[in-house]
Amino acid sequence: MQLFLEAQVARLAHDKFGGEEQLQEHQRARADAKLQSKLRRREEEKAKEQKEAARLARIKQRIEGERAAAASGAAAEASEEEEI
């Protein structure tokens, strides 16, 4: 593990980024990129949830349609048996 003096860190940051303002700008840009990444991921998750909800709604509608068709078919068969 290496420990650095604050002056060494400040000098290295100044050499790398060209000054305090550029360092702060770099940090701000990284924070903005991180925030944008989180927002994009959240939007993707939301879209995925909506897509799944729509898929489940279609399945539910299909099942209800099949049940209704089966019930009406059973009712039709029952009325035919009564007529015979």
N, C-alpha and C. Protein backbone atom coordinates (compact mmCIF):
# COMPACT_ATOMS: atom_id res chain seq x y z
N MET A 1 0.84 -1.16 0.00
CA MET A 1 0.00 0.00 0.00
C MET A 1 0.90 1.24 0.00
N GLN A 2 0.53 2.18 -0.83
CA GLN A 2 1.32 3.40 -0.91
C GLN A 2 0.52 4.56 -0.34
N LEU A 3 1.21 5.40 0.42
CA LEU A 3 0.60 6.60 0.95
C LEU A 3 1.27 7.80 0.30
N PHE A 4 0.48 8.80 -0.06
CA PHE A 4 1.01 9.98 -0.72
C PHE A 4 0.70 11.21 0.11
N LEU A 5 1.58 12.16 0.04
CA LEU A 5 1.32 13.44 0.67
C LEU A 5 0.32 14.22 -0.16
N GLU A 6 -0.45 15.06 0.49
CA GLU A 6 -1.45 15.85 -0.22
C GLU A 6 -0.80 16.73 -1.28
N ALA A 7 0.37 17.25 -0.98
CA ALA A 7 1.09 18.10 -1.94
C ALA A 7 1.47 17.30 -3.18
N GLN A 8 1.84 16.04 -3.00
CA GLN A 8 2.19 15.19 -4.15
C GLN A 8 0.95 14.94 -5.02
N VAL A 9 -0.16 14.69 -4.38
CA VAL A 9 -1.40 14.44 -5.12
C VAL A 9 -1.82 15.69 -5.88
N ALA A 10 -1.72 16.84 -5.23
CA ALA A 10 -2.09 18.11 -5.87
C ALA A 10 -1.17 18.39 -7.06
N ARG A 11 0.12 18.14 -6.91
CA ARG A 11 1.07 18.37 -8.00
C ARG A 11 0.78 17.44 -9.18
N LEU A 12 0.51 16.18 -8.89
CA LEU A 12 0.21 15.22 -9.95
C LEU A 12 -1.09 15.60 -10.67
N ALA A 13 -2.10 16.01 -9.92
CA ALA A 13 -3.37 16.44 -10.52
C ALA A 13 -3.15 17.66 -11.40
N HIS A 14 -2.33 18.58 -10.93
CA HIS A 14 -2.03 19.79 -11.72
C HIS A 14 -1.31 19.41 -13.00
N ASP A 15 -0.35 18.50 -12.91
CA ASP A 15 0.39 18.07 -14.10
C ASP A 15 -0.53 17.34 -15.09
N LYS A 16 -1.41 16.51 -14.56
CA LYS A 16 -2.27 15.70 -15.43
C LYS A 16 -3.38 16.53 -16.07
N PHE A 17 -4.02 17.40 -15.29
CA PHE A 17 -5.18 18.12 -15.78
C PHE A 17 -4.91 19.58 -16.11
N GLY A 18 -3.78 20.08 -15.75
CA GLY A 18 -3.43 21.45 -16.10
C GLY A 18 -3.93 22.49 -15.13
N GLY A 19 -4.39 22.11 -13.98
CA GLY A 19 -4.82 23.10 -13.00
C GLY A 19 -6.05 22.65 -12.25
N GLU A 20 -6.40 23.42 -11.24
CA GLU A 20 -7.53 23.09 -10.37
C GLU A 20 -8.86 23.15 -11.13
N GLU A 21 -9.01 24.15 -11.98
CA GLU A 21 -10.27 24.30 -12.72
C GLU A 21 -10.51 23.12 -13.67
N GLN A 22 -9.46 22.69 -14.36
CA GLN A 22 -9.60 21.56 -15.27
C GLN A 22 -9.88 20.27 -14.50
N LEU A 23 -9.27 20.13 -13.32
CA LEU A 23 -9.53 18.96 -12.48
C LEU A 23 -11.00 18.94 -12.06
N GLN A 24 -11.51 20.08 -11.62
CA GLN A 24 -12.91 20.16 -11.22
C GLN A 24 -13.84 19.90 -12.40
N GLU A 25 -13.47 20.41 -13.56
CA GLU A 25 -14.28 20.16 -14.77
C GLU A 25 -14.30 18.67 -15.10
N HIS A 26 -13.15 18.03 -14.98
CA HIS A 26 -13.06 16.59 -15.23
C HIS A 26 -13.94 15.82 -14.24
N GLN A 27 -13.87 16.19 -12.97
CA GLN A 27 -14.69 15.53 -11.96
C GLN A 27 -16.18 15.76 -12.22
N ARG A 28 -16.53 16.96 -12.63
CA ARG A 28 -17.92 17.29 -12.95
C ARG A 28 -18.40 16.47 -14.15
N ALA A 29 -17.54 16.35 -15.15
CA ALA A 29 -17.90 15.57 -16.34
C ALA A 29 -18.11 14.10 -15.99
N ARG A 30 -17.25 13.56 -15.13
CA ARG A 30 -17.40 12.16 -14.71
C ARG A 30 -18.69 11.96 -13.93
N ALA A 31 -19.01 12.92 -13.05
CA ALA A 31 -20.25 12.83 -12.27
C ALA A 31 -21.47 12.90 -13.20
N ASP A 32 -21.42 13.78 -14.20
CA ASP A 32 -22.51 13.89 -15.17
C ASP A 32 -22.67 12.60 -15.97
N ALA A 33 -21.55 12.02 -16.38
CA ALA A 33 -21.59 10.77 -17.14
C ALA A 33 -22.18 9.65 -16.29
N LYS A 34 -21.83 9.62 -15.02
CA LYS A 34 -22.35 8.60 -14.12
C LYS A 34 -23.86 8.77 -13.95
N LEU A 35 -24.30 10.01 -13.79
CA LEU A 35 -25.72 10.28 -13.64
C LEU A 35 -26.49 9.91 -14.91
N GLN A 36 -25.95 10.27 -16.07
CA GLN A 36 -26.59 9.92 -17.34
C GLN A 36 -26.69 8.40 -17.50
N SER A 37 -25.65 7.70 -17.07
CA SER A 37 -25.66 6.25 -17.15
C SER A 37 -26.77 5.67 -16.28
N LYS A 38 -26.91 6.19 -15.06
CA LYS A 38 -27.97 5.72 -14.17
C LYS A 38 -29.35 6.00 -14.76
N LEU A 39 -29.52 7.21 -15.32
CA LEU A 39 -30.81 7.56 -15.92
C LEU A 39 -31.13 6.66 -17.11
N ARG A 40 -30.13 6.40 -17.95
CA ARG A 40 -30.33 5.54 -19.11
C ARG A 40 -30.70 4.12 -18.67
N ARG A 41 -30.00 3.61 -17.65
CA ARG A 41 -30.32 2.27 -17.15
C ARG A 41 -31.73 2.22 -16.59
N ARG A 42 -32.14 3.26 -15.87
CA ARG A 42 -33.48 3.30 -15.30
C ARG A 42 -34.54 3.32 -16.40
N GLU A 43 -34.29 4.09 -17.46
CA GLU A 43 -35.23 4.14 -18.58
C GLU A 43 -35.31 2.78 -19.27
N GLU A 44 -34.18 2.10 -19.41
CA GLU A 44 -34.18 0.77 -20.02
C GLU A 44 -34.95 -0.22 -19.16
N GLU A 45 -34.77 -0.13 -17.84
CA GLU A 45 -35.51 -1.01 -16.93
C GLU A 45 -37.00 -0.74 -17.02
N LYS A 46 -37.37 0.54 -17.09
CA LYS A 46 -38.78 0.91 -17.18
C LYS A 46 -39.39 0.38 -18.48
N ALA A 47 -38.66 0.52 -19.58
CA ALA A 47 -39.14 0.02 -20.87
C ALA A 47 -39.30 -1.50 -20.82
N LYS A 48 -38.36 -2.16 -20.18
CA LYS A 48 -38.42 -3.62 -20.07
C LYS A 48 -39.63 -4.04 -19.24
N GLU A 49 -39.88 -3.32 -18.14
CA GLU A 49 -41.04 -3.62 -17.30
C GLU A 49 -42.34 -3.41 -18.07
N GLN A 50 -42.42 -2.33 -18.85
CA GLN A 50 -43.63 -2.06 -19.63
C GLN A 50 -43.83 -3.13 -20.70
N LYS A 51 -42.76 -3.56 -21.31
CA LYS A 51 -42.84 -4.60 -22.34
C LYS A 51 -43.34 -5.90 -21.71
N GLU A 52 -42.83 -6.23 -20.54
CA GLU A 52 -43.26 -7.45 -19.85
C GLU A 52 -44.72 -7.34 -19.42
N ALA A 53 -45.14 -6.17 -18.95
CA ALA A 53 -46.54 -5.98 -18.55
C ALA A 53 -47.46 -6.12 -19.76
N ALA A 54 -47.05 -5.60 -20.90
CA ALA A 54 -47.86 -5.73 -22.12
C ALA A 54 -47.95 -7.19 -22.55
N ARG A 55 -46.85 -7.91 -22.42
CA ARG A 55 -46.84 -9.33 -22.79
C ARG A 55 -47.79 -10.11 -21.88
N LEU A 56 -47.74 -9.83 -20.57
CA LEU A 56 -48.63 -10.52 -19.64
C LEU A 56 -50.09 -10.17 -19.90
N ALA A 57 -50.36 -8.92 -20.27
CA ALA A 57 -51.73 -8.51 -20.59
C ALA A 57 -52.24 -9.27 -21.81
N ARG A 58 -51.38 -9.43 -22.82
CA ARG A 58 -51.79 -10.19 -24.02
C ARG A 58 -52.08 -11.65 -23.66
N ILE A 59 -51.25 -12.24 -22.82
CA ILE A 59 -51.46 -13.62 -22.41
C ILE A 59 -52.77 -13.75 -21.65
N LYS A 60 -53.00 -12.82 -20.71
CA LYS A 60 -54.23 -12.84 -19.91
C LYS A 60 -55.45 -12.69 -20.80
N GLN A 61 -55.38 -11.79 -21.77
CA GLN A 61 -56.50 -11.58 -22.69
C GLN A 61 -56.77 -12.84 -23.51
N ARG A 62 -55.70 -13.49 -23.97
CA ARG A 62 -55.86 -14.71 -24.76
C ARG A 62 -56.50 -15.81 -23.92
N ILE A 63 -56.06 -15.96 -22.67
CA ILE A 63 -56.62 -16.99 -21.79
C ILE A 63 -58.09 -16.71 -21.52
N GLU A 64 -58.43 -15.45 -21.25
CA GLU A 64 -59.83 -15.10 -21.00
C GLU A 64 -60.69 -15.37 -22.24
N GLY A 65 -60.13 -15.09 -23.41
CA GLY A 65 -60.85 -15.37 -24.65
C GLY A 65 -61.09 -16.85 -24.84
N GLU A 66 -60.08 -17.65 -24.52
CA GLU A 66 -60.23 -19.10 -24.64
C GLU A 66 -61.25 -19.63 -23.64
N ARG A 67 -61.25 -19.08 -22.42
CA ARG A 67 -62.23 -19.49 -21.41
C ARG A 67 -63.64 -19.13 -21.84
N ALA A 68 -63.79 -17.93 -22.39
CA ALA A 68 -65.12 -17.50 -22.85
C ALA A 68 -65.59 -18.38 -24.00
N ALA A 69 -64.68 -18.71 -24.90
CA ALA A 69 -65.05 -19.57 -26.02
C ALA A 69 -65.42 -20.96 -25.53
N ALA A 70 -64.67 -21.46 -24.56
CA ALA A 70 -64.97 -22.78 -24.02
C ALA A 70 -66.30 -22.77 -23.27
N ALA A 71 -66.56 -21.70 -22.55
CA ALA A 71 -67.83 -21.60 -21.81
C ALA A 71 -69.00 -21.50 -22.77
N SER A 72 -68.87 -20.71 -23.82
CA SER A 72 -69.96 -20.60 -24.78
C SER A 72 -70.12 -21.90 -25.56
N GLY A 73 -69.02 -22.57 -25.81
CA GLY A 73 -69.09 -23.87 -26.48
C GLY A 73 -69.76 -24.91 -25.60
N ALA A 74 -69.48 -24.88 -24.32
CA ALA A 74 -70.10 -25.82 -23.38
C ALA A 74 -71.59 -25.50 -23.25
N ALA A 75 -71.94 -24.23 -23.25
CA ALA A 75 -73.34 -23.84 -23.16
C ALA A 75 -74.08 -24.28 -24.42
N ALA A 76 -73.44 -24.16 -25.57
CA ALA A 76 -74.07 -24.57 -26.82
C ALA A 76 -74.28 -26.08 -26.83
N GLU A 77 -73.31 -26.83 -26.34
CA GLU A 77 -73.44 -28.29 -26.28
C GLU A 77 -74.56 -28.68 -25.33
N ALA A 78 -74.66 -27.97 -24.21
CA ALA A 78 -75.71 -28.28 -23.23
C ALA A 78 -77.08 -28.01 -23.83
N SER A 79 -77.23 -26.93 -24.58
CA SER A 79 -78.53 -26.63 -25.19
C SER A 79 -78.85 -27.63 -26.29
N GLU A 80 -77.85 -28.14 -27.00
CA GLU A 80 -78.09 -29.15 -28.02
C GLU A 80 -78.54 -30.45 -27.39
N GLU A 81 -77.95 -30.80 -26.24
CA GLU A 81 -78.33 -32.03 -25.56
C GLU A 81 -79.77 -31.94 -25.06
N GLU A 82 -80.18 -30.75 -24.61
CA GLU A 82 -81.54 -30.57 -24.12
C GLU A 82 -82.54 -30.71 -25.26
N GLU A 83 -82.16 -30.28 -26.46
CA GLU A 83 -83.07 -30.35 -27.60
C GLU A 83 -83.26 -31.79 -28.06
N ILE A 84 -82.27 -32.61 -27.87
CA ILE A 84 -82.34 -33.99 -28.35
C ILE A 84 -83.19 -34.81 -27.47
